[in-house]
Amino acid sequence: MKQYQYVIKPRAAQKIRVFYRHVQLRYRHTFSFDDMRRFINQYIDSMFQIEQSLLRRPPTLKRWQNEGWHMAKAGKWYYAYTINGDTITIEDTSHEQNMHNDSLNS
């Protein structure tokens, strides 16, 4: 299997962190700080599986299509990325509940 180098754009990781921070603030009695950290780590770590166990899909968001990005999905997160040689750059992310909203804004 090909070995890739991964570059994660700050915006992509930030969207995951902000999403789970908002969940933790809203549901603080049932969603702990540790839960928040676990989910953030899980979905940022999943980015390193793109083109390995997370396979390429056609992007569903018009904005991602227009950029010429590829898309992969892990759990409830979609990742937009580019491949240049052996480097995969994760450009953007979107939680599945925001995919419809993102497509309206594209």
N, C-alpha and C. Protein backbone atom coordinates (compact mmCIF):
# COMPACT_ATOMS: atom_id res chain seq x y z
N MET A 1 0.84 -1.17 0.00
CA MET A 1 0.00 0.00 0.00
C MET A 1 0.89 1.24 0.00
N LYS A 2 0.50 2.23 -0.77
CA LYS A 2 1.29 3.45 -0.90
C LYS A 2 1.32 4.23 0.41
N GLN A 3 2.48 4.78 0.71
CA GLN A 3 2.65 5.61 1.90
C GLN A 3 2.44 7.07 1.52
N TYR A 4 1.59 7.74 2.26
CA TYR A 4 1.30 9.14 2.00
C TYR A 4 1.79 10.01 3.15
N GLN A 5 2.09 11.24 2.81
CA GLN A 5 2.31 12.29 3.80
C GLN A 5 1.00 13.05 3.91
N TYR A 6 0.61 13.45 5.08
CA TYR A 6 -0.65 14.14 5.28
C TYR A 6 -0.42 15.56 5.78
N VAL A 7 -1.12 16.50 5.17
CA VAL A 7 -1.11 17.89 5.59
C VAL A 7 -2.56 18.24 5.92
N ILE A 8 -2.79 18.70 7.14
CA ILE A 8 -4.14 19.05 7.56
C ILE A 8 -4.21 20.57 7.66
N LYS A 9 -5.05 21.16 6.83
CA LYS A 9 -5.23 22.61 6.88
C LYS A 9 -5.86 22.98 8.21
N PRO A 10 -5.44 24.09 8.81
CA PRO A 10 -5.98 24.49 10.12
C PRO A 10 -7.51 24.57 10.12
N ARG A 11 -8.11 25.07 9.03
CA ARG A 11 -9.58 25.19 8.96
C ARG A 11 -10.25 23.83 9.13
N ALA A 12 -9.68 22.79 8.54
CA ALA A 12 -10.28 21.46 8.60
C ALA A 12 -10.32 20.93 10.03
N ALA A 13 -9.21 21.02 10.72
CA ALA A 13 -9.16 20.55 12.11
C ALA A 13 -10.00 21.44 13.02
N GLN A 14 -9.98 22.73 12.77
CA GLN A 14 -10.73 23.68 13.60
C GLN A 14 -12.24 23.40 13.54
N LYS A 15 -12.75 23.05 12.37
CA LYS A 15 -14.18 22.78 12.26
C LYS A 15 -14.60 21.61 13.16
N ILE A 16 -13.76 20.60 13.25
CA ILE A 16 -14.05 19.46 14.12
C ILE A 16 -14.01 19.89 15.58
N ARG A 17 -12.97 20.63 15.95
CA ARG A 17 -12.85 21.08 17.34
C ARG A 17 -14.02 21.98 17.75
N VAL A 18 -14.39 22.92 16.90
CA VAL A 18 -15.49 23.84 17.21
C VAL A 18 -16.82 23.09 17.32
N PHE A 19 -17.05 22.15 16.40
CA PHE A 19 -18.30 21.39 16.43
C PHE A 19 -18.47 20.68 17.77
N TYR A 20 -17.44 19.94 18.20
CA TYR A 20 -17.57 19.17 19.44
C TYR A 20 -17.51 20.05 20.68
N ARG A 21 -16.87 21.20 20.59
CA ARG A 21 -16.90 22.13 21.72
C ARG A 21 -18.32 22.66 21.91
N HIS A 22 -19.00 22.96 20.81
CA HIS A 22 -20.39 23.41 20.91
C HIS A 22 -21.30 22.31 21.46
N VAL A 23 -21.07 21.08 21.04
CA VAL A 23 -21.85 19.96 21.58
C VAL A 23 -21.62 19.84 23.08
N GLN A 24 -20.36 19.95 23.49
CA GLN A 24 -20.04 19.82 24.91
C GLN A 24 -20.68 20.94 25.72
N LEU A 25 -20.68 22.15 25.19
CA LEU A 25 -21.30 23.26 25.91
C LEU A 25 -22.81 23.11 26.00
N ARG A 26 -23.41 22.67 24.92
CA ARG A 26 -24.87 22.54 24.90
C ARG A 26 -25.37 21.37 25.75
N TYR A 27 -24.64 20.27 25.71
CA TYR A 27 -25.07 19.05 26.42
C TYR A 27 -24.09 18.71 27.54
N ARG A 28 -23.65 19.71 28.29
CA ARG A 28 -22.60 19.52 29.29
C ARG A 28 -22.95 18.50 30.37
N HIS A 29 -24.24 18.21 30.58
CA HIS A 29 -24.62 17.24 31.61
C HIS A 29 -24.52 15.80 31.11
N THR A 30 -24.49 15.62 29.79
CA THR A 30 -24.42 14.26 29.24
C THR A 30 -23.23 14.04 28.32
N PHE A 31 -22.58 15.11 27.88
CA PHE A 31 -21.43 15.01 26.98
C PHE A 31 -20.25 15.69 27.67
N SER A 32 -19.37 14.89 28.22
CA SER A 32 -18.30 15.41 29.06
C SER A 32 -17.16 16.01 28.23
N PHE A 33 -16.28 16.70 28.94
CA PHE A 33 -15.07 17.24 28.32
C PHE A 33 -14.24 16.10 27.74
N ASP A 34 -14.17 14.97 28.45
CA ASP A 34 -13.43 13.81 27.94
C ASP A 34 -14.07 13.25 26.68
N ASP A 35 -15.41 13.23 26.63
CA ASP A 35 -16.11 12.81 25.41
C ASP A 35 -15.71 13.71 24.25
N MET A 36 -15.71 15.01 24.51
CA MET A 36 -15.36 15.98 23.48
C MET A 36 -13.95 15.69 22.94
N ARG A 37 -12.99 15.54 23.84
CA ARG A 37 -11.61 15.27 23.41
C ARG A 37 -11.50 13.96 22.64
N ARG A 38 -12.22 12.94 23.10
CA ARG A 38 -12.17 11.64 22.43
C ARG A 38 -12.68 11.73 20.99
N PHE A 39 -13.82 12.42 20.79
CA PHE A 39 -14.37 12.57 19.45
C PHE A 39 -13.47 13.41 18.56
N ILE A 40 -12.93 14.49 19.10
CA ILE A 40 -12.01 15.33 18.31
C ILE A 40 -10.82 14.50 17.85
N ASN A 41 -10.20 13.80 18.78
CA ASN A 41 -9.03 12.97 18.43
C ASN A 41 -9.40 11.89 17.43
N GLN A 42 -10.54 11.25 17.62
CA GLN A 42 -10.96 10.18 16.73
C GLN A 42 -11.08 10.67 15.30
N TYR A 43 -11.73 11.82 15.10
CA TYR A 43 -11.98 12.27 13.73
C TYR A 43 -10.79 12.99 13.11
N ILE A 44 -9.92 13.54 13.91
CA ILE A 44 -8.68 14.07 13.33
C ILE A 44 -7.76 12.91 12.98
N ASP A 45 -7.69 11.90 13.83
CA ASP A 45 -6.88 10.71 13.52
C ASP A 45 -7.40 9.99 12.27
N SER A 46 -8.72 10.02 12.05
CA SER A 46 -9.30 9.36 10.87
C SER A 46 -8.79 9.95 9.57
N MET A 47 -8.38 11.20 9.59
CA MET A 47 -7.86 11.84 8.37
C MET A 47 -6.66 11.08 7.82
N PHE A 48 -5.90 10.44 8.69
CA PHE A 48 -4.71 9.71 8.27
C PHE A 48 -5.04 8.37 7.61
N GLN A 49 -6.32 8.05 7.50
CA GLN A 49 -6.76 6.83 6.83
C GLN A 49 -7.27 7.10 5.41
N ILE A 50 -7.28 8.39 5.02
CA ILE A 50 -7.74 8.74 3.67
C ILE A 50 -6.83 8.06 2.65
N GLU A 51 -7.46 7.48 1.63
CA GLU A 51 -6.81 6.73 0.56
C GLU A 51 -6.19 5.43 1.05
N GLN A 52 -6.39 5.09 2.32
CA GLN A 52 -5.96 3.80 2.86
C GLN A 52 -7.22 2.97 3.09
N SER A 53 -7.92 3.23 4.19
CA SER A 53 -9.19 2.54 4.43
C SER A 53 -10.38 3.45 4.16
N LEU A 54 -10.17 4.75 4.12
CA LEU A 54 -11.24 5.68 3.72
C LEU A 54 -11.07 5.97 2.24
N LEU A 55 -11.98 5.46 1.47
CA LEU A 55 -11.81 5.53 0.02
C LEU A 55 -12.41 6.80 -0.57
N ARG A 56 -11.90 7.14 -1.72
CA ARG A 56 -12.28 8.35 -2.45
C ARG A 56 -13.72 8.24 -2.95
N ARG A 57 -14.45 9.35 -2.81
CA ARG A 57 -15.82 9.46 -3.31
C ARG A 57 -15.92 10.76 -4.11
N PRO A 58 -16.90 10.84 -4.99
CA PRO A 58 -17.14 12.13 -5.63
C PRO A 58 -17.71 13.10 -4.59
N PRO A 59 -17.25 14.33 -4.58
CA PRO A 59 -17.77 15.28 -3.59
C PRO A 59 -19.23 15.61 -3.85
N THR A 60 -19.98 15.76 -2.78
CA THR A 60 -21.40 16.09 -2.91
C THR A 60 -21.65 17.58 -2.80
N LEU A 61 -20.72 18.31 -2.19
CA LEU A 61 -20.89 19.76 -2.07
C LEU A 61 -20.37 20.44 -3.32
N LYS A 62 -21.17 21.32 -3.86
CA LYS A 62 -20.81 22.04 -5.08
C LYS A 62 -19.48 22.79 -4.90
N ARG A 63 -19.30 23.40 -3.73
CA ARG A 63 -18.07 24.13 -3.45
C ARG A 63 -16.85 23.22 -3.57
N TRP A 64 -16.96 22.00 -3.04
CA TRP A 64 -15.85 21.05 -3.11
C TRP A 64 -15.65 20.58 -4.54
N GLN A 65 -16.74 20.40 -5.28
CA GLN A 65 -16.64 20.02 -6.69
C GLN A 65 -15.92 21.11 -7.48
N ASN A 66 -16.31 22.36 -7.24
CA ASN A 66 -15.71 23.48 -7.97
C ASN A 66 -14.22 23.61 -7.70
N GLU A 67 -13.79 23.23 -6.52
CA GLU A 67 -12.37 23.28 -6.17
C GLU A 67 -11.60 22.10 -6.76
N GLY A 68 -12.32 21.08 -7.22
CA GLY A 68 -11.66 19.89 -7.76
C GLY A 68 -11.15 18.95 -6.68
N TRP A 69 -11.73 19.05 -5.48
CA TRP A 69 -11.29 18.24 -4.37
C TRP A 69 -11.94 16.86 -4.42
N HIS A 70 -11.31 15.91 -3.76
CA HIS A 70 -11.87 14.58 -3.54
C HIS A 70 -12.58 14.59 -2.20
N MET A 71 -13.35 13.54 -1.93
CA MET A 71 -14.07 13.45 -0.66
C MET A 71 -13.94 12.04 -0.10
N ALA A 72 -13.86 11.96 1.22
CA ALA A 72 -13.87 10.68 1.95
C ALA A 72 -14.75 10.87 3.17
N LYS A 73 -15.25 9.76 3.72
CA LYS A 73 -16.14 9.83 4.87
C LYS A 73 -15.65 8.88 5.96
N ALA A 74 -15.68 9.38 7.20
CA ALA A 74 -15.40 8.56 8.38
C ALA A 74 -16.48 8.87 9.40
N GLY A 75 -17.25 7.87 9.77
CA GLY A 75 -18.32 8.10 10.74
C GLY A 75 -19.27 9.16 10.24
N LYS A 76 -19.39 10.24 10.98
CA LYS A 76 -20.31 11.31 10.63
C LYS A 76 -19.61 12.50 9.97
N TRP A 77 -18.32 12.34 9.64
CA TRP A 77 -17.54 13.44 9.06
C TRP A 77 -17.15 13.16 7.62
N TYR A 78 -17.25 14.19 6.81
CA TYR A 78 -16.79 14.16 5.43
C TYR A 78 -15.54 15.02 5.34
N TYR A 79 -14.56 14.53 4.59
CA TYR A 79 -13.30 15.23 4.42
C TYR A 79 -13.11 15.56 2.95
N ALA A 80 -12.73 16.81 2.66
CA ALA A 80 -12.38 17.22 1.30
C ALA A 80 -10.86 17.31 1.24
N TYR A 81 -10.28 16.73 0.18
CA TYR A 81 -8.82 16.68 0.13
C TYR A 81 -8.30 16.70 -1.29
N THR A 82 -7.02 17.01 -1.41
CA THR A 82 -6.32 16.95 -2.69
C THR A 82 -5.15 15.98 -2.55
N ILE A 83 -4.71 15.48 -3.67
CA ILE A 83 -3.54 14.60 -3.70
C ILE A 83 -2.54 15.20 -4.69
N ASN A 84 -1.33 15.39 -4.22
CA ASN A 84 -0.25 15.88 -5.07
C ASN A 84 0.94 14.97 -4.84
N GLY A 85 1.16 14.05 -5.76
CA GLY A 85 2.23 13.05 -5.57
C GLY A 85 1.90 12.15 -4.41
N ASP A 86 2.75 12.15 -3.40
CA ASP A 86 2.50 11.31 -2.22
C ASP A 86 2.00 12.14 -1.04
N THR A 87 1.50 13.35 -1.31
CA THR A 87 1.00 14.22 -0.24
C THR A 87 -0.51 14.40 -0.37
N ILE A 88 -1.20 14.09 0.70
CA ILE A 88 -2.64 14.33 0.77
C ILE A 88 -2.84 15.54 1.67
N THR A 89 -3.55 16.53 1.15
CA THR A 89 -3.84 17.74 1.91
C THR A 89 -5.34 17.77 2.21
N ILE A 90 -5.68 17.73 3.48
CA ILE A 90 -7.08 17.82 3.89
C ILE A 90 -7.44 19.30 3.91
N GLU A 91 -8.31 19.68 2.99
CA GLU A 91 -8.65 21.08 2.77
C GLU A 91 -9.80 21.56 3.66
N ASP A 92 -10.78 20.69 3.87
CA ASP A 92 -12.00 21.10 4.56
C ASP A 92 -12.67 19.87 5.14
N THR A 93 -13.57 20.09 6.10
CA THR A 93 -14.37 19.02 6.69
C THR A 93 -15.79 19.51 6.89
N SER A 94 -16.71 18.56 6.98
CA SER A 94 -18.09 18.92 7.28
C SER A 94 -18.76 17.74 7.98
N HIS A 95 -19.45 18.03 9.06
CA HIS A 95 -20.23 17.01 9.77
C HIS A 95 -21.46 16.71 8.93
N GLU A 96 -21.94 15.47 8.97
CA GLU A 96 -23.06 15.08 8.12
C GLU A 96 -24.30 15.93 8.33
N GLN A 97 -24.55 16.42 9.53
CA GLN A 97 -25.74 17.23 9.75
C GLN A 97 -25.60 18.62 9.13
N ASN A 98 -24.39 19.00 8.75
CA ASN A 98 -24.17 20.29 8.10
C ASN A 98 -24.02 20.18 6.59
N MET A 99 -24.01 18.98 6.07
CA MET A 99 -23.81 18.81 4.62
C MET A 99 -24.92 19.48 3.83
N HIS A 100 -26.16 19.38 4.28
CA HIS A 100 -27.26 20.02 3.56
C HIS A 100 -27.12 21.52 3.64
N ASN A 101 -26.82 22.06 4.82
CA ASN A 101 -26.64 23.50 4.98
C ASN A 101 -25.49 24.01 4.13
N ASP A 102 -24.38 23.25 4.10
CA ASP A 102 -23.22 23.65 3.29
C ASP A 102 -23.57 23.67 1.82
N SER A 103 -24.39 22.70 1.37
CA SER A 103 -24.73 22.68 -0.05
C SER A 103 -25.61 23.85 -0.43
N LEU A 104 -26.40 24.37 0.50
CA LEU A 104 -27.22 25.54 0.22
C LEU A 104 -26.38 26.79 0.11
N ASN A 105 -25.23 26.80 0.81
CA ASN A 105 -24.37 27.97 0.81
C ASN A 105 -23.29 27.90 -0.24
N SER A 106 -23.23 26.81 -0.99
CA SER A 106 -22.16 26.65 -1.98
C SER A 106 -22.44 27.46 -3.22
